Amino acid sequence: MRTMTATEASRNFSDLLDAIERGETVTITRGNQPIAEIGPARRRTGADLRAALAGLPAPDDRFEEDIAAAVRLLDSERGDPWADA
């Protein structure tokens, strides 16, 4: 694992991102104290979602009603974008 000071990370941000893109995890320090670890983003897949939802009960009718109500609320706040056209 690579270590950089906050100043180095700031001055060489593009290089920092390149290292992370190559798979490195970098610890950022300030005053010799670690303040952050930055690493590659984890790629999410449908399999990850299925695994996260495994064992949860299926949505019921109330869930569908709640989603429909939320969509109606969003639509009412947004309004018709073509009303003044």
PDB file of N, CA and C in Angstrom:
ATOM      1  N   MET A   1       0.851  -1.183   0.000  1.00  0.00           N
ATOM      2  CA  MET A   1       0.000   0.000   0.000  1.00  0.00           C
ATOM      3  C   MET A   1       0.890   1.237   0.000  1.00  0.00           C
ATOM      4  N   ARG A   2       0.516   2.161  -0.819  1.00  0.00           N
ATOM      5  CA  ARG A   2       1.271   3.405  -0.990  1.00  0.00           C
ATOM      6  C   ARG A   2       0.754   4.454  -0.011  1.00  0.00           C
ATOM      7  N   THR A   3       1.645   5.357   0.424  1.00  0.00           N
ATOM      8  CA  THR A   3       1.277   6.446   1.323  1.00  0.00           C
ATOM      9  C   THR A   3       1.689   7.771   0.700  1.00  0.00           C
ATOM     10  N   MET A   4       0.814   8.757   0.811  1.00  0.00           N
ATOM     11  CA  MET A   4       1.099  10.114   0.332  1.00  0.00           C
ATOM     12  C   MET A   4       0.621  11.098   1.385  1.00  0.00           C
ATOM     13  N   THR A   5       1.292  12.239   1.456  1.00  0.00           N
ATOM     14  CA  THR A   5       0.788  13.301   2.311  1.00  0.00           C
ATOM     15  C   THR A   5      -0.388  13.958   1.589  1.00  0.00           C
ATOM     16  N   ALA A   6      -1.188  14.676   2.334  1.00  0.00           N
ATOM     17  CA  ALA A   6      -2.308  15.395   1.735  1.00  0.00           C
ATOM     18  C   ALA A   6      -1.807  16.394   0.699  1.00  0.00           C
ATOM     19  N   THR A   7      -0.682  17.025   0.967  1.00  0.00           N
ATOM     20  CA  THR A   7      -0.112  17.988   0.023  1.00  0.00           C
ATOM     21  C   THR A   7       0.313  17.297  -1.266  1.00  0.00           C
ATOM     22  N   GLU A   8       0.995  16.145  -1.136  1.00  0.00           N
ATOM     23  CA  GLU A   8       1.401  15.396  -2.333  1.00  0.00           C
ATOM     24  C   GLU A   8       0.185  14.951  -3.136  1.00  0.00           C
ATOM     25  N   ALA A   9      -0.830  14.476  -2.440  1.00  0.00           N
ATOM     26  CA  ALA A   9      -2.039  14.020  -3.122  1.00  0.00           C
ATOM     27  C   ALA A   9      -2.697  15.171  -3.867  1.00  0.00           C
ATOM     28  N   SER A  10      -2.712  16.340  -3.255  1.00  0.00           N
ATOM     29  CA  SER A  10      -3.316  17.508  -3.875  1.00  0.00           C
ATOM     30  C   SER A  10      -2.526  17.952  -5.109  1.00  0.00           C
ATOM     31  N   ARG A  11      -1.230  17.999  -4.978  1.00  0.00           N
ATOM     32  CA  ARG A  11      -0.380  18.478  -6.078  1.00  0.00           C
ATOM     33  C   ARG A  11      -0.287  17.468  -7.222  1.00  0.00           C
ATOM     34  N   ASN A  12      -0.474  16.191  -6.914  1.00  0.00           N
ATOM     35  CA  ASN A  12      -0.324  15.128  -7.916  1.00  0.00           C
ATOM     36  C   ASN A  12      -1.611  14.322  -8.046  1.00  0.00           C
ATOM     37  N   PHE A  13      -2.734  15.023  -8.032  1.00  0.00           N
ATOM     38  CA  PHE A  13      -4.031  14.346  -8.006  1.00  0.00           C
ATOM     39  C   PHE A  13      -4.222  13.425  -9.204  1.00  0.00           C
ATOM     40  N   SER A  14      -3.812  13.845 -10.384  1.00  0.00           N
ATOM     41  CA  SER A  14      -3.947  13.010 -11.574  1.00  0.00           C
ATOM     42  C   SER A  14      -3.139  11.721 -11.420  1.00  0.00           C
ATOM     43  N   ASP A  15      -1.916  11.827 -10.888  1.00  0.00           N
ATOM     44  CA  ASP A  15      -1.097  10.638 -10.646  1.00  0.00           C
ATOM     45  C   ASP A  15      -1.734   9.733  -9.603  1.00  0.00           C
ATOM     46  N   LEU A  16      -2.334  10.342  -8.580  1.00  0.00           N
ATOM     47  CA  LEU A  16      -3.027   9.581  -7.553  1.00  0.00           C
ATOM     48  C   LEU A  16      -4.160   8.766  -8.173  1.00  0.00           C
ATOM     49  N   LEU A  17      -4.962   9.418  -9.017  1.00  0.00           N
ATOM     50  CA  LEU A  17      -6.062   8.711  -9.667  1.00  0.00           C
ATOM     51  C   LEU A  17      -5.558   7.611 -10.602  1.00  0.00           C
ATOM     52  N   ASP A  18      -4.457   7.859 -11.292  1.00  0.00           N
ATOM     53  CA  ASP A  18      -3.872   6.828 -12.161  1.00  0.00           C
ATOM     54  C   ASP A  18      -3.474   5.600 -11.349  1.00  0.00           C
ATOM     55  N   ALA A  19      -2.851   5.822 -10.196  1.00  0.00           N
ATOM     56  CA  ALA A  19      -2.434   4.703  -9.341  1.00  0.00           C
ATOM     57  C   ALA A  19      -3.642   3.918  -8.863  1.00  0.00           C
ATOM     58  N   ILE A  20      -4.681   4.618  -8.476  1.00  0.00           N
ATOM     59  CA  ILE A  20      -5.895   3.951  -8.005  1.00  0.00           C
ATOM     60  C   ILE A  20      -6.536   3.167  -9.141  1.00  0.00           C
ATOM     61  N   GLU A  21      -6.535   3.747 -10.324  1.00  0.00           N
ATOM     62  CA  GLU A  21      -7.101   3.057 -11.480  1.00  0.00           C
ATOM     63  C   GLU A  21      -6.328   1.772 -11.790  1.00  0.00           C
ATOM     64  N   ARG A  22      -5.027   1.761 -11.489  1.00  0.00           N
ATOM     65  CA  ARG A  22      -4.210   0.559 -11.686  1.00  0.00           C
ATOM     66  C   ARG A  22      -4.454  -0.478 -10.587  1.00  0.00           C
ATOM     67  N   GLY A  23      -5.275  -0.139  -9.606  1.00  0.00           N
ATOM     68  CA  GLY A  23      -5.599  -1.099  -8.559  1.00  0.00           C
ATOM     69  C   GLY A  23      -4.953  -0.841  -7.219  1.00  0.00           C
ATOM     70  N   GLU A  24      -4.168   0.220  -7.116  1.00  0.00           N
ATOM     71  CA  GLU A  24      -3.506   0.525  -5.848  1.00  0.00           C
ATOM     72  C   GLU A  24      -4.481   1.151  -4.853  1.00  0.00           C
ATOM     73  N   THR A  25      -4.234   0.901  -3.584  1.00  0.00           N
ATOM     74  CA  THR A  25      -4.913   1.614  -2.505  1.00  0.00           C
ATOM     75  C   THR A  25      -3.883   2.550  -1.896  1.00  0.00           C
ATOM     76  N   VAL A  26      -4.252   3.804  -1.725  1.00  0.00           N
ATOM     77  CA  VAL A  26      -3.316   4.828  -1.253  1.00  0.00           C
ATOM     78  C   VAL A  26      -3.825   5.390   0.069  1.00  0.00           C
ATOM     79  N   THR A  27      -2.937   5.453   1.044  1.00  0.00           N
ATOM     80  CA  THR A  27      -3.249   6.079   2.328  1.00  0.00           C
ATOM     81  C   THR A  27      -2.777   7.526   2.278  1.00  0.00           C
ATOM     82  N   ILE A  28      -3.672   8.441   2.623  1.00  0.00           N
ATOM     83  CA  ILE A  28      -3.355   9.864   2.655  1.00  0.00           C
ATOM     84  C   ILE A  28      -3.102  10.248   4.115  1.00  0.00           C
ATOM     85  N   THR A  29      -2.008  10.930   4.340  1.00  0.00           N
ATOM     86  CA  THR A  29      -1.659  11.334   5.710  1.00  0.00           C
ATOM     87  C   THR A  29      -1.598  12.848   5.821  1.00  0.00           C
ATOM     88  N   ARG A  30      -1.812  13.315   7.043  1.00  0.00           N
ATOM     89  CA  ARG A  30      -1.630  14.732   7.372  1.00  0.00           C
ATOM     90  C   ARG A  30      -0.965  14.746   8.748  1.00  0.00           C
ATOM     91  N   GLY A  31       0.200  15.370   8.819  1.00  0.00           N
ATOM     92  CA  GLY A  31       0.919  15.390  10.084  1.00  0.00           C
ATOM     93  C   GLY A  31       1.254  13.993  10.578  1.00  0.00           C
ATOM     94  N   ASN A  32       1.628  13.118   9.687  1.00  0.00           N
ATOM     95  CA  ASN A  32       1.984  11.728   9.976  1.00  0.00           C
ATOM     96  C   ASN A  32       0.818  10.883  10.492  1.00  0.00           C
ATOM     97  N   GLN A  33      -0.385  11.404  10.424  1.00  0.00           N
ATOM     98  CA  GLN A  33      -1.574  10.649  10.843  1.00  0.00           C
ATOM     99  C   GLN A  33      -2.368  10.256   9.594  1.00  0.00           C
ATOM    100  N   PRO A  34      -2.722   8.983   9.448  1.00  0.00           N
ATOM    101  CA  PRO A  34      -3.548   8.602   8.304  1.00  0.00           C
ATOM    102  C   PRO A  34      -4.935   9.239   8.418  1.00  0.00           C
ATOM    103  N   ILE A  35      -5.381   9.865   7.338  1.00  0.00           N
ATOM    104  CA  ILE A  35      -6.698  10.508   7.364  1.00  0.00           C
ATOM    105  C   ILE A  35      -7.662   9.883   6.363  1.00  0.00           C
ATOM    106  N   ALA A  36      -7.121   9.143   5.371  1.00  0.00           N
ATOM    107  CA  ALA A  36      -8.003   8.529   4.375  1.00  0.00           C
ATOM    108  C   ALA A  36      -7.279   7.402   3.671  1.00  0.00           C
ATOM    109  N   GLU A  37      -8.053   6.434   3.239  1.00  0.00           N
ATOM    110  CA  GLU A  37      -7.566   5.408   2.329  1.00  0.00           C
ATOM    111  C   GLU A  37      -8.431   5.488   1.085  1.00  0.00           C
ATOM    112  N   ILE A  38      -7.779   5.603  -0.049  1.00  0.00           N
ATOM    113  CA  ILE A  38      -8.500   5.709  -1.308  1.00  0.00           C
ATOM    114  C   ILE A  38      -8.094   4.526  -2.171  1.00  0.00           C
ATOM    115  N   GLY A  39      -9.107   3.814  -2.665  1.00  0.00           N
ATOM    116  CA  GLY A  39      -8.827   2.650  -3.495  1.00  0.00           C
ATOM    117  C   GLY A  39      -9.801   2.559  -4.647  1.00  0.00           C
ATOM    118  N   PRO A  40      -9.600   1.565  -5.498  1.00  0.00           N
ATOM    119  CA  PRO A  40     -10.469   1.396  -6.657  1.00  0.00           C
ATOM    120  C   PRO A  40     -11.918   1.188  -6.232  1.00  0.00           C
ATOM    121  N   ALA A  41     -12.814   1.739  -7.033  1.00  0.00           N
ATOM    122  CA  ALA A  41     -14.238   1.539  -6.785  1.00  0.00           C
ATOM    123  C   ALA A  41     -14.579   0.079  -7.052  1.00  0.00           C
ATOM    124  N   ARG A  42     -15.437  -0.450  -6.239  1.00  0.00           N
ATOM    125  CA  ARG A  42     -15.873  -1.829  -6.426  1.00  0.00           C
ATOM    126  C   ARG A  42     -16.922  -1.854  -7.524  1.00  0.00           C
ATOM    127  N   ARG A  43     -16.729  -2.717  -8.482  1.00  0.00           N
ATOM    128  CA  ARG A  43     -17.693  -2.855  -9.567  1.00  0.00           C
ATOM    129  C   ARG A  43     -18.898  -3.624  -9.061  1.00  0.00           C
ATOM    130  N   ARG A  44     -20.075  -3.084  -9.246  1.00  0.00           N
ATOM    131  CA  ARG A  44     -21.314  -3.722  -8.807  1.00  0.00           C
ATOM    132  C   ARG A  44     -21.966  -4.429  -9.984  1.00  0.00           C
ATOM    133  N   THR A  45     -22.549  -5.580  -9.713  1.00  0.00           N
ATOM    134  CA  THR A  45     -23.208  -6.355 -10.761  1.00  0.00           C
ATOM    135  C   THR A  45     -24.597  -6.762 -10.305  1.00  0.00           C
ATOM    136  N   GLY A  46     -25.362  -7.300 -11.227  1.00  0.00           N
ATOM    137  CA  GLY A  46     -26.668  -7.844 -10.875  1.00  0.00           C
ATOM    138  C   GLY A  46     -26.544  -8.971  -9.863  1.00  0.00           C
ATOM    139  N   ALA A  47     -25.475  -9.729  -9.954  1.00  0.00           N
ATOM    140  CA  ALA A  47     -25.255 -10.816  -8.988  1.00  0.00           C
ATOM    141  C   ALA A  47     -25.081 -10.251  -7.579  1.00  0.00           C
ATOM    142  N   ASP A  48     -24.409  -9.090  -7.467  1.00  0.00           N
ATOM    143  CA  ASP A  48     -24.257  -8.444  -6.159  1.00  0.00           C
ATOM    144  C   ASP A  48     -25.618  -8.058  -5.591  1.00  0.00           C
ATOM    145  N   LEU A  49     -26.478  -7.527  -6.447  1.00  0.00           N
ATOM    146  CA  LEU A  49     -27.818  -7.135  -6.002  1.00  0.00           C
ATOM    147  C   LEU A  49     -28.616  -8.352  -5.579  1.00  0.00           C
ATOM    148  N   ARG A  50     -28.561  -9.413  -6.373  1.00  0.00           N
ATOM    149  CA  ARG A  50     -29.286 -10.645  -6.006  1.00  0.00           C
ATOM    150  C   ARG A  50     -28.806 -11.180  -4.658  1.00  0.00           C
ATOM    151  N   ALA A  51     -27.509 -11.165  -4.445  1.00  0.00           N
ATOM    152  CA  ALA A  51     -26.958 -11.654  -3.180  1.00  0.00           C
ATOM    153  C   ALA A  51     -27.414 -10.777  -2.014  1.00  0.00           C
ATOM    154  N   ALA A  52     -27.450  -9.453  -2.231  1.00  0.00           N
ATOM    155  CA  ALA A  52     -27.871  -8.534  -1.168  1.00  0.00           C
ATOM    156  C   ALA A  52     -29.339  -8.734  -0.812  1.00  0.00           C
ATOM    157  N   LEU A  53     -30.148  -9.083  -1.804  1.00  0.00           N
ATOM    158  CA  LEU A  53     -31.590  -9.238  -1.584  1.00  0.00           C
ATOM    159  C   LEU A  53     -31.978 -10.652  -1.165  1.00  0.00           C
ATOM    160  N   ALA A  54     -31.051 -11.580  -1.281  1.00  0.00           N
ATOM    161  CA  ALA A  54     -31.355 -12.973  -0.933  1.00  0.00           C
ATOM    162  C   ALA A  54     -31.813 -13.065   0.521  1.00  0.00           C
ATOM    163  N   GLY A  55     -32.867 -13.783   0.730  1.00  0.00           N
ATOM    164  CA  GLY A  55     -33.371 -13.986   2.087  1.00  0.00           C
ATOM    165  C   GLY A  55     -34.331 -12.916   2.564  1.00  0.00           C
ATOM    166  N   LEU A  56     -34.449 -11.819   1.822  1.00  0.00           N
ATOM    167  CA  LEU A  56     -35.416 -10.794   2.197  1.00  0.00           C
ATOM    168  C   LEU A  56     -36.791 -11.196   1.692  1.00  0.00           C
ATOM    169  N   PRO A  57     -37.833 -10.848   2.423  1.00  0.00           N
ATOM    170  CA  PRO A  57     -39.171 -11.175   1.934  1.00  0.00           C
ATOM    171  C   PRO A  57     -39.488 -10.378   0.668  1.00  0.00           C
ATOM    172  N   ALA A  58     -40.303 -10.962  -0.177  1.00  0.00           N
ATOM    173  CA  ALA A  58     -40.717 -10.291  -1.407  1.00  0.00           C
ATOM    174  C   ALA A  58     -41.543  -9.057  -1.059  1.00  0.00           C
ATOM    175  N   PRO A  59     -41.477  -8.008  -1.890  1.00  0.00           N
ATOM    176  CA  PRO A  59     -42.292  -6.818  -1.638  1.00  0.00           C
ATOM    177  C   PRO A  59     -43.780  -7.179  -1.642  1.00  0.00           C
ATOM    178  N   ASP A  60     -44.524  -6.533  -0.785  1.00  0.00           N
ATOM    179  CA  ASP A  60     -45.958  -6.791  -0.721  1.00  0.00           C
ATOM    180  C   ASP A  60     -46.720  -5.685  -1.465  1.00  0.00           C
ATOM    181  N   ASP A  61     -48.050  -5.760  -1.451  1.00  0.00           N
ATOM    182  CA  ASP A  61     -48.867  -4.767  -2.147  1.00  0.00           C
ATOM    183  C   ASP A  61     -48.640  -3.359  -1.587  1.00  0.00           C
ATOM    184  N   ARG A  62     -48.404  -3.271  -0.295  1.00  0.00           N
ATOM    185  CA  ARG A  62     -48.179  -1.967   0.334  1.00  0.00           C
ATOM    186  C   ARG A  62     -46.932  -1.290  -0.249  1.00  0.00           C
ATOM    187  N   PHE A  63     -45.906  -2.080  -0.517  1.00  0.00           N
ATOM    188  CA  PHE A  63     -44.677  -1.551  -1.111  1.00  0.00           C
ATOM    189  C   PHE A  63     -44.987  -0.940  -2.473  1.00  0.00           C
ATOM    190  N   GLU A  64     -45.744  -1.648  -3.296  1.00  0.00           N
ATOM    191  CA  GLU A  64     -46.112  -1.135  -4.615  1.00  0.00           C
ATOM    192  C   GLU A  64     -46.894   0.176  -4.495  1.00  0.00           C
ATOM    193  N   GLU A  65     -47.802   0.251  -3.522  1.00  0.00           N
ATOM    194  CA  GLU A  65     -48.575   1.473  -3.301  1.00  0.00           C
ATOM    195  C   GLU A  65     -47.669   2.629  -2.870  1.00  0.00           C
ATOM    196  N   ASP A  66     -46.701   2.333  -2.004  1.00  0.00           N
ATOM    197  CA  ASP A  66     -45.768   3.365  -1.544  1.00  0.00           C
ATOM    198  C   ASP A  66     -44.929   3.912  -2.700  1.00  0.00           C
ATOM    199  N   ILE A  67     -44.467   3.034  -3.578  1.00  0.00           N
ATOM    200  CA  ILE A  67     -43.676   3.474  -4.730  1.00  0.00           C
ATOM    201  C   ILE A  67     -44.528   4.340  -5.655  1.00  0.00           C
ATOM    202  N   ALA A  68     -45.762   3.898  -5.914  1.00  0.00           N
ATOM    203  CA  ALA A  68     -46.658   4.674  -6.781  1.00  0.00           C
ATOM    204  C   ALA A  68     -46.924   6.055  -6.185  1.00  0.00           C
ATOM    205  N   ALA A  69     -47.114   6.132  -4.872  1.00  0.00           N
ATOM    206  CA  ALA A  69     -47.353   7.415  -4.210  1.00  0.00           C
ATOM    207  C   ALA A  69     -46.120   8.318  -4.321  1.00  0.00           C
ATOM    208  N   ALA A  70     -44.936   7.739  -4.185  1.00  0.00           N
ATOM    209  CA  ALA A  70     -43.701   8.522  -4.300  1.00  0.00           C
ATOM    210  C   ALA A  70     -43.545   9.068  -5.716  1.00  0.00           C
ATOM    211  N   VAL A  71     -43.850   8.251  -6.711  1.00  0.00           N
ATOM    212  CA  VAL A  71     -43.760   8.711  -8.105  1.00  0.00           C
ATOM    213  C   VAL A  71     -44.758   9.835  -8.360  1.00  0.00           C
ATOM    214  N   ARG A  72     -45.978   9.695  -7.828  1.00  0.00           N
ATOM    215  CA  ARG A  72     -46.977  10.760  -7.995  1.00  0.00           C
ATOM    216  C   ARG A  72     -46.496  12.055  -7.354  1.00  0.00           C
ATOM    217  N   LEU A  73     -45.893  11.959  -6.185  1.00  0.00           N
ATOM    218  CA  LEU A  73     -45.369  13.140  -5.501  1.00  0.00           C
ATOM    219  C   LEU A  73     -44.281  13.810  -6.340  1.00  0.00           C
ATOM    220  N   LEU A  74     -43.371  13.026  -6.868  1.00  0.00           N
ATOM    221  CA  LEU A  74     -42.316  13.586  -7.712  1.00  0.00           C
ATOM    222  C   LEU A  74     -42.902  14.247  -8.948  1.00  0.00           C
ATOM    223  N   ASP A  75     -43.867  13.598  -9.569  1.00  0.00           N
ATOM    224  CA  ASP A  75     -44.501  14.167 -10.760  1.00  0.00           C
ATOM    225  C   ASP A  75     -45.216  15.476 -10.439  1.00  0.00           C
ATOM    226  N   SER A  76     -45.872  15.534  -9.283  1.00  0.00           N
ATOM    227  CA  SER A  76     -46.607  16.756  -8.931  1.00  0.00           C
ATOM    228  C   SER A  76     -45.653  17.910  -8.632  1.00  0.00           C
ATOM    229  N   GLU A  77     -44.489  17.624  -8.068  1.00  0.00           N
ATOM    230  CA  GLU A  77     -43.508  18.673  -7.780  1.00  0.00           C
ATOM    231  C   GLU A  77     -42.812  19.154  -9.037  1.00  0.00           C
ATOM    232  N   ARG A  78     -42.617  18.268  -9.971  1.00  0.00           N
ATOM    233  CA  ARG A  78     -41.925  18.612 -11.201  1.00  0.00           C
ATOM    234  C   ARG A  78     -42.834  19.367 -12.152  1.00  0.00           C
ATOM    235  N   GLY A  79     -44.085  18.988 -12.204  1.00  0.00           N
ATOM    236  CA  GLY A  79     -45.034  19.642 -13.109  1.00  0.00           C
ATOM    237  C   GLY A  79     -44.825  19.204 -14.543  1.00  0.00           C
ATOM    238  N   ASP A  80     -45.621  19.747 -15.414  1.00  0.00           N
ATOM    239  CA  ASP A  80     -45.560  19.422 -16.826  1.00  0.00           C
ATOM    240  C   ASP A  80     -44.549  20.332 -17.511  1.00  0.00           C
ATOM    241  N   PRO A  81     -43.440  19.786 -18.019  1.00  0.00           N
ATOM    242  CA  PRO A  81     -42.432  20.641 -18.650  1.00  0.00           C
ATOM    243  C   PRO A  81     -42.915  21.272 -19.949  1.00  0.00           C
ATOM    244  N   TRP A  82     -43.999  20.776 -20.517  1.00  0.00           N
ATOM    245  CA  TRP A  82     -44.514  21.271 -21.784  1.00  0.00           C
ATOM    246  C   TRP A  82     -45.716  22.207 -21.593  1.00  0.00           C
ATOM    247  N   ALA A  83     -46.099  22.489 -20.373  1.00  0.00           N
ATOM    248  CA  ALA A  83     -47.296  23.284 -20.118  1.00  0.00           C
ATOM    249  C   ALA A  83     -47.239  24.664 -20.759  1.00  0.00           C
ATOM    250  N   ASP A  84     -46.076  25.275 -20.788  1.00  0.00           N
ATOM    251  CA  ASP A  84     -45.957  26.632 -21.333  1.00  0.00           C
ATOM    252  C   ASP A  84     -45.500  26.651 -22.785  1.00  0.00           C
ATOM    253  N   ALA A  85     -45.398  25.494 -23.395  1.00  0.00           N
ATOM    254  CA  ALA A  85     -44.882  25.436 -24.780  1.00  0.00           C
ATOM    255  C   ALA A  85     -45.925  25.862 -25.785  1.00  0.00           C
TER     256      ALA A  85
END
